[in-house]
Amino acid sequence: MKFIRMMIIGILISLSSSYVLVTLSVISNNSIISGPELLEQIIIAAILGAVIGLLSTIFDIERLPFIAQFILHVIAVTLCVLIAGYFGRWFEHSNITSIFISEAIIFFFAWCIIYVIQKNDIAKINQEIQKRKE
């Protein structure tokens, strides 16, 4: 169940990020994107999001220190972004620096979302513990 949850969260973050980035790319390049091209970008974003969601399970490996988990996650996500960027032809529209900046911004927002979700989960667990104590 956790894998599916992480995949869905990854897909939602990826699709919303992709929508913003595609819109900004079209506006900044004063271009037009066709329906098939947009569908291709949606598919790439959904696959990327699912994979990144699964990669988030790296943080469940308790024997690794957090910094090692984080570094592994960033490297794996960056490789996935580069692969997706190749297939999505992102480098034709943006340089690699702007892709890495976009990745960093998305990382920040994704971490904020995950933090809120985990904080909510912890609050629910604490409520259940309190109920059992009463």
N, C-alpha and C. Protein backbone atom coordinates (compact mmCIF):
# COMPACT_ATOMS: atom_id res chain seq x y z
N MET A 1 0.82 -1.20 0.00
CA MET A 1 0.00 0.00 0.00
C MET A 1 0.87 1.27 0.00
N LYS A 2 2.00 1.22 0.76
CA LYS A 2 2.88 2.39 0.82
C LYS A 2 3.47 2.69 -0.56
N PHE A 3 3.82 1.63 -1.32
CA PHE A 3 4.39 1.84 -2.65
C PHE A 3 3.40 2.55 -3.56
N ILE A 4 2.16 2.12 -3.51
CA ILE A 4 1.12 2.74 -4.35
C ILE A 4 0.91 4.19 -3.94
N ARG A 5 0.89 4.42 -2.62
CA ARG A 5 0.70 5.79 -2.12
C ARG A 5 1.84 6.69 -2.60
N MET A 6 3.08 6.22 -2.48
CA MET A 6 4.22 7.02 -2.90
C MET A 6 4.21 7.26 -4.42
N MET A 7 3.79 6.24 -5.18
CA MET A 7 3.70 6.41 -6.63
C MET A 7 2.65 7.46 -6.98
N ILE A 8 1.50 7.42 -6.32
CA ILE A 8 0.43 8.38 -6.61
C ILE A 8 0.87 9.79 -6.25
N ILE A 9 1.50 9.95 -5.08
CA ILE A 9 2.00 11.27 -4.70
C ILE A 9 3.02 11.75 -5.72
N GLY A 10 3.93 10.87 -6.13
CA GLY A 10 4.93 11.23 -7.14
C GLY A 10 4.30 11.63 -8.46
N ILE A 11 3.29 10.88 -8.88
CA ILE A 11 2.61 11.20 -10.14
C ILE A 11 1.92 12.56 -10.05
N LEU A 12 1.24 12.83 -8.95
CA LEU A 12 0.54 14.11 -8.79
C LEU A 12 1.52 15.28 -8.77
N ILE A 13 2.61 15.14 -8.05
CA ILE A 13 3.61 16.21 -8.01
C ILE A 13 4.23 16.39 -9.40
N SER A 14 4.54 15.29 -10.06
CA SER A 14 5.16 15.36 -11.38
C SER A 14 4.23 15.98 -12.43
N LEU A 15 2.97 15.57 -12.41
CA LEU A 15 2.03 16.12 -13.39
C LEU A 15 1.80 17.61 -13.18
N SER A 16 1.65 18.02 -11.93
CA SER A 16 1.43 19.45 -11.68
C SER A 16 2.68 20.25 -12.03
N SER A 17 3.85 19.73 -11.70
CA SER A 17 5.10 20.42 -12.05
C SER A 17 5.26 20.48 -13.56
N SER A 18 4.97 19.38 -14.21
CA SER A 18 5.10 19.31 -15.66
C SER A 18 4.19 20.33 -16.34
N TYR A 19 2.97 20.44 -15.82
CA TYR A 19 2.02 21.40 -16.41
C TYR A 19 2.58 22.82 -16.34
N VAL A 20 3.11 23.18 -15.18
CA VAL A 20 3.69 24.52 -15.01
C VAL A 20 4.89 24.71 -15.93
N LEU A 21 5.79 23.72 -15.98
CA LEU A 21 6.99 23.85 -16.79
C LEU A 21 6.69 23.89 -18.29
N VAL A 22 5.75 23.07 -18.74
CA VAL A 22 5.38 23.09 -20.16
C VAL A 22 4.76 24.45 -20.51
N THR A 23 3.90 24.94 -19.62
CA THR A 23 3.27 26.25 -19.86
C THR A 23 4.33 27.35 -19.93
N LEU A 24 5.26 27.35 -18.99
CA LEU A 24 6.32 28.36 -19.00
C LEU A 24 7.19 28.24 -20.24
N SER A 25 7.48 27.03 -20.67
CA SER A 25 8.29 26.81 -21.87
C SER A 25 7.58 27.34 -23.11
N VAL A 26 6.29 27.05 -23.22
CA VAL A 26 5.53 27.51 -24.38
C VAL A 26 5.46 29.04 -24.41
N ILE A 27 5.22 29.63 -23.22
CA ILE A 27 5.12 31.08 -23.16
C ILE A 27 6.47 31.74 -23.44
N SER A 28 7.54 31.23 -22.82
CA SER A 28 8.85 31.87 -23.00
C SER A 28 9.41 31.71 -24.40
N ASN A 29 9.06 30.63 -25.07
CA ASN A 29 9.54 30.41 -26.44
C ASN A 29 8.55 30.90 -27.48
N ASN A 30 7.42 31.45 -27.00
CA ASN A 30 6.36 31.93 -27.89
C ASN A 30 6.02 30.87 -28.94
N SER A 31 5.78 29.64 -28.44
CA SER A 31 5.55 28.52 -29.33
C SER A 31 4.18 27.90 -29.06
N ILE A 32 3.90 26.87 -29.80
CA ILE A 32 2.65 26.14 -29.68
C ILE A 32 2.99 24.67 -29.49
N ILE A 33 2.20 24.00 -28.67
CA ILE A 33 2.41 22.56 -28.47
C ILE A 33 1.16 21.84 -28.97
N SER A 34 1.38 20.79 -29.73
CA SER A 34 0.25 20.04 -30.29
C SER A 34 -0.31 19.07 -29.25
N GLY A 35 -1.48 18.56 -29.53
CA GLY A 35 -2.10 17.57 -28.65
C GLY A 35 -1.24 16.34 -28.43
N PRO A 36 -0.73 15.72 -29.49
CA PRO A 36 0.14 14.55 -29.30
C PRO A 36 1.42 14.86 -28.50
N GLU A 37 1.99 16.05 -28.72
CA GLU A 37 3.19 16.44 -27.96
C GLU A 37 2.85 16.60 -26.47
N LEU A 38 1.70 17.21 -26.20
CA LEU A 38 1.27 17.39 -24.82
C LEU A 38 1.00 16.05 -24.15
N LEU A 39 0.36 15.15 -24.88
CA LEU A 39 0.10 13.80 -24.34
C LEU A 39 1.42 13.10 -24.03
N GLU A 40 2.39 13.23 -24.92
CA GLU A 40 3.71 12.62 -24.70
C GLU A 40 4.33 13.17 -23.41
N GLN A 41 4.24 14.48 -23.20
CA GLN A 41 4.80 15.09 -21.99
C GLN A 41 4.06 14.62 -20.73
N ILE A 42 2.76 14.43 -20.83
CA ILE A 42 1.96 13.93 -19.70
C ILE A 42 2.39 12.51 -19.35
N ILE A 43 2.57 11.68 -20.37
CA ILE A 43 2.98 10.29 -20.14
C ILE A 43 4.38 10.25 -19.51
N ILE A 44 5.30 11.04 -20.04
CA ILE A 44 6.65 11.09 -19.49
C ILE A 44 6.61 11.57 -18.04
N ALA A 45 5.82 12.60 -17.76
CA ALA A 45 5.72 13.13 -16.40
C ALA A 45 5.12 12.10 -15.45
N ALA A 46 4.10 11.38 -15.90
CA ALA A 46 3.46 10.37 -15.05
C ALA A 46 4.43 9.24 -14.73
N ILE A 47 5.15 8.77 -15.74
CA ILE A 47 6.13 7.69 -15.51
C ILE A 47 7.24 8.19 -14.58
N LEU A 48 7.74 9.40 -14.85
CA LEU A 48 8.78 9.97 -14.01
C LEU A 48 8.31 10.10 -12.56
N GLY A 49 7.09 10.58 -12.39
CA GLY A 49 6.54 10.73 -11.04
C GLY A 49 6.41 9.41 -10.31
N ALA A 50 5.93 8.38 -11.02
CA ALA A 50 5.79 7.06 -10.39
C ALA A 50 7.16 6.51 -9.98
N VAL A 51 8.14 6.66 -10.84
CA VAL A 51 9.48 6.16 -10.53
C VAL A 51 10.08 6.93 -9.35
N ILE A 52 9.95 8.25 -9.36
CA ILE A 52 10.48 9.05 -8.26
C ILE A 52 9.75 8.72 -6.96
N GLY A 53 8.44 8.48 -7.05
CA GLY A 53 7.69 8.07 -5.87
C GLY A 53 8.24 6.77 -5.29
N LEU A 54 8.53 5.82 -6.16
CA LEU A 54 9.13 4.56 -5.70
C LEU A 54 10.54 4.78 -5.13
N LEU A 55 11.28 5.69 -5.76
CA LEU A 55 12.63 5.98 -5.25
C LEU A 55 12.60 6.58 -3.84
N SER A 56 11.48 7.16 -3.48
CA SER A 56 11.35 7.74 -2.14
C SER A 56 11.39 6.68 -1.04
N THR A 57 11.21 5.44 -1.42
CA THR A 57 11.30 4.37 -0.42
C THR A 57 12.74 4.16 0.04
N ILE A 58 13.69 4.82 -0.61
CA ILE A 58 15.09 4.81 -0.14
C ILE A 58 15.13 5.26 1.32
N PHE A 59 14.22 6.17 1.67
CA PHE A 59 14.21 6.72 3.02
C PHE A 59 13.70 5.71 4.06
N ASP A 60 13.25 4.57 3.61
CA ASP A 60 12.82 3.52 4.54
C ASP A 60 13.96 2.58 4.92
N ILE A 61 15.10 2.73 4.29
CA ILE A 61 16.26 1.88 4.59
C ILE A 61 16.91 2.42 5.86
N GLU A 62 16.56 1.82 6.98
CA GLU A 62 16.97 2.34 8.28
C GLU A 62 18.47 2.23 8.54
N ARG A 63 19.15 1.29 7.91
CA ARG A 63 20.58 1.12 8.19
C ARG A 63 21.44 2.18 7.51
N LEU A 64 20.85 2.96 6.61
CA LEU A 64 21.59 4.05 5.96
C LEU A 64 21.34 5.35 6.72
N PRO A 65 22.38 6.14 6.95
CA PRO A 65 22.15 7.45 7.56
C PRO A 65 21.34 8.33 6.62
N PHE A 66 20.64 9.31 7.19
CA PHE A 66 19.77 10.17 6.39
C PHE A 66 20.52 10.85 5.25
N ILE A 67 21.72 11.33 5.52
CA ILE A 67 22.48 12.04 4.48
C ILE A 67 22.78 11.11 3.30
N ALA A 68 23.07 9.84 3.57
CA ALA A 68 23.31 8.87 2.49
C ALA A 68 22.01 8.61 1.72
N GLN A 69 20.90 8.50 2.44
CA GLN A 69 19.61 8.32 1.79
C GLN A 69 19.31 9.50 0.86
N PHE A 70 19.54 10.70 1.40
CA PHE A 70 19.26 11.92 0.63
C PHE A 70 20.13 12.00 -0.62
N ILE A 71 21.42 11.74 -0.48
CA ILE A 71 22.33 11.80 -1.62
C ILE A 71 21.95 10.76 -2.68
N LEU A 72 21.68 9.54 -2.24
CA LEU A 72 21.23 8.50 -3.19
C LEU A 72 19.96 8.92 -3.91
N HIS A 73 19.03 9.49 -3.15
CA HIS A 73 17.75 9.91 -3.74
C HIS A 73 17.96 11.01 -4.77
N VAL A 74 18.77 12.01 -4.43
CA VAL A 74 19.02 13.11 -5.37
C VAL A 74 19.71 12.60 -6.63
N ILE A 75 20.70 11.73 -6.48
CA ILE A 75 21.39 11.19 -7.66
C ILE A 75 20.44 10.38 -8.53
N ALA A 76 19.63 9.51 -7.90
CA ALA A 76 18.69 8.68 -8.66
C ALA A 76 17.64 9.54 -9.36
N VAL A 77 17.11 10.54 -8.65
CA VAL A 77 16.11 11.43 -9.25
C VAL A 77 16.72 12.21 -10.41
N THR A 78 17.93 12.70 -10.22
CA THR A 78 18.59 13.46 -11.29
C THR A 78 18.81 12.58 -12.53
N LEU A 79 19.23 11.35 -12.34
CA LEU A 79 19.38 10.43 -13.47
C LEU A 79 18.04 10.21 -14.18
N CYS A 80 16.99 10.03 -13.39
CA CYS A 80 15.65 9.85 -13.98
C CYS A 80 15.21 11.09 -14.75
N VAL A 81 15.48 12.27 -14.19
CA VAL A 81 15.13 13.52 -14.87
C VAL A 81 15.90 13.66 -16.17
N LEU A 82 17.18 13.30 -16.15
CA LEU A 82 17.98 13.38 -17.38
C LEU A 82 17.46 12.41 -18.45
N ILE A 83 17.09 11.21 -18.03
CA ILE A 83 16.55 10.23 -18.98
C ILE A 83 15.20 10.72 -19.52
N ALA A 84 14.33 11.18 -18.63
CA ALA A 84 13.03 11.70 -19.07
C ALA A 84 13.22 12.91 -19.97
N GLY A 85 14.19 13.77 -19.61
CA GLY A 85 14.46 14.95 -20.43
C GLY A 85 14.94 14.59 -21.82
N TYR A 86 15.71 13.53 -21.92
CA TYR A 86 16.15 13.07 -23.24
C TYR A 86 14.96 12.65 -24.09
N PHE A 87 14.10 11.80 -23.50
CA PHE A 87 12.94 11.31 -24.25
C PHE A 87 11.91 12.41 -24.50
N GLY A 88 11.81 13.36 -23.58
CA GLY A 88 10.86 14.45 -23.74
C GLY A 88 11.40 15.63 -24.51
N ARG A 89 12.66 15.51 -24.94
CA ARG A 89 13.33 16.58 -25.70
C ARG A 89 13.33 17.90 -24.94
N TRP A 90 13.50 17.82 -23.61
CA TRP A 90 13.50 19.03 -22.79
C TRP A 90 14.72 19.89 -23.06
N PHE A 91 15.82 19.26 -23.47
CA PHE A 91 17.07 20.00 -23.66
C PHE A 91 17.06 20.82 -24.94
N GLU A 92 16.10 20.57 -25.81
CA GLU A 92 15.94 21.40 -27.00
C GLU A 92 15.33 22.75 -26.64
N HIS A 93 14.55 22.77 -25.56
CA HIS A 93 13.83 23.98 -25.17
C HIS A 93 14.47 24.71 -24.00
N SER A 94 15.24 23.98 -23.21
CA SER A 94 15.87 24.55 -22.02
C SER A 94 17.30 24.02 -21.91
N ASN A 95 18.14 24.81 -21.28
CA ASN A 95 19.49 24.30 -21.05
C ASN A 95 19.51 23.46 -19.77
N ILE A 96 20.56 22.72 -19.58
CA ILE A 96 20.66 21.79 -18.45
C ILE A 96 20.60 22.52 -17.12
N THR A 97 21.14 23.73 -17.07
CA THR A 97 21.11 24.49 -15.82
C THR A 97 19.68 24.79 -15.40
N SER A 98 18.86 25.23 -16.34
CA SER A 98 17.47 25.54 -15.98
C SER A 98 16.70 24.27 -15.59
N ILE A 99 17.08 23.14 -16.17
CA ILE A 99 16.43 21.88 -15.78
C ILE A 99 16.81 21.52 -14.35
N PHE A 100 18.09 21.71 -13.98
CA PHE A 100 18.51 21.43 -12.61
C PHE A 100 17.89 22.41 -11.62
N ILE A 101 17.74 23.66 -12.02
CA ILE A 101 17.07 24.63 -11.15
C ILE A 101 15.61 24.24 -10.95
N SER A 102 14.96 23.84 -12.04
CA SER A 102 13.57 23.37 -11.94
C SER A 102 13.49 22.16 -11.02
N GLU A 103 14.43 21.24 -11.16
CA GLU A 103 14.45 20.04 -10.32
C GLU A 103 14.58 20.43 -8.84
N ALA A 104 15.45 21.39 -8.55
CA ALA A 104 15.66 21.82 -7.17
C ALA A 104 14.40 22.47 -6.59
N ILE A 105 13.73 23.27 -7.40
CA ILE A 105 12.49 23.91 -6.94
C ILE A 105 11.42 22.87 -6.69
N ILE A 106 11.29 21.92 -7.60
CA ILE A 106 10.30 20.85 -7.44
C ILE A 106 10.63 20.01 -6.21
N PHE A 107 11.92 19.72 -6.02
CA PHE A 107 12.37 18.99 -4.83
C PHE A 107 11.90 19.70 -3.57
N PHE A 108 12.12 21.00 -3.52
CA PHE A 108 11.74 21.78 -2.35
C PHE A 108 10.24 21.66 -2.07
N PHE A 109 9.42 21.87 -3.09
CA PHE A 109 7.97 21.79 -2.89
C PHE A 109 7.53 20.37 -2.56
N ALA A 110 8.13 19.39 -3.20
CA ALA A 110 7.78 17.99 -2.91
C ALA A 110 8.12 17.64 -1.46
N TRP A 111 9.28 18.10 -1.00
CA TRP A 111 9.67 17.84 0.39
C TRP A 111 8.69 18.51 1.35
N CYS A 112 8.24 19.68 1.01
CA CYS A 112 7.25 20.37 1.86
C CYS A 112 5.95 19.56 1.93
N ILE A 113 5.51 19.06 0.79
CA ILE A 113 4.29 18.26 0.74
C ILE A 113 4.45 16.98 1.55
N ILE A 114 5.56 16.28 1.34
CA ILE A 114 5.82 15.04 2.08
C ILE A 114 5.90 15.32 3.58
N TYR A 115 6.53 16.43 3.95
CA TYR A 115 6.65 16.80 5.36
C TYR A 115 5.26 16.97 5.99
N VAL A 116 4.39 17.67 5.31
CA VAL A 116 3.03 17.89 5.83
C VAL A 116 2.28 16.57 5.94
N ILE A 117 2.41 15.72 4.94
CA ILE A 117 1.74 14.41 4.97
C ILE A 117 2.26 13.57 6.14
N GLN A 118 3.58 13.54 6.32
CA GLN A 118 4.15 12.76 7.42
C GLN A 118 3.76 13.34 8.78
N LYS A 119 3.73 14.64 8.89
CA LYS A 119 3.32 15.29 10.13
C LYS A 119 1.88 14.91 10.46
N ASN A 120 1.03 14.87 9.45
CA ASN A 120 -0.37 14.47 9.62
C ASN A 120 -0.46 13.01 10.05
N ASP A 121 0.34 12.15 9.42
CA ASP A 121 0.36 10.73 9.79
C ASP A 121 0.80 10.55 11.25
N ILE A 122 1.82 11.30 11.65
CA ILE A 122 2.32 11.20 13.02
C ILE A 122 1.25 11.66 14.01
N ALA A 123 0.54 12.72 13.66
CA ALA A 123 -0.53 13.21 14.54
C ALA A 123 -1.62 12.14 14.71
N LYS A 124 -1.97 11.46 13.62
CA LYS A 124 -2.98 10.39 13.69
C LYS A 124 -2.49 9.23 14.57
N ILE A 125 -1.23 8.87 14.41
CA ILE A 125 -0.65 7.79 15.23
C ILE A 125 -0.67 8.18 16.70
N ASN A 126 -0.30 9.42 17.00
CA ASN A 126 -0.30 9.90 18.38
C ASN A 126 -1.71 9.91 18.96
N GLN A 127 -2.70 10.25 18.16
CA GLN A 127 -4.09 10.23 18.61
C GLN A 127 -4.51 8.81 18.97
N GLU A 128 -4.13 7.86 18.13
CA GLU A 128 -4.45 6.46 18.41
C GLU A 128 -3.78 5.97 19.68
N ILE A 129 -2.55 6.38 19.89
CA ILE A 129 -1.83 6.01 21.12
C ILE A 129 -2.54 6.60 22.34
N GLN A 130 -2.96 7.85 22.22
CA GLN A 130 -3.67 8.51 23.33
C GLN A 130 -4.98 7.79 23.64
N LYS A 131 -5.70 7.36 22.60
CA LYS A 131 -6.97 6.65 22.79
C LYS A 131 -6.73 5.34 23.54
N ARG A 132 -5.65 4.65 23.21
CA ARG A 132 -5.35 3.37 23.85
C ARG A 132 -4.96 3.54 25.32
N LYS A 133 -4.33 4.69 25.63
CA LYS A 133 -3.93 4.96 27.00
C LYS A 133 -5.11 5.27 27.90
N GLU A 134 -6.20 5.80 27.33
CA GLU A 134 -7.37 6.22 28.12
C GLU A 134 -8.23 5.07 28.52
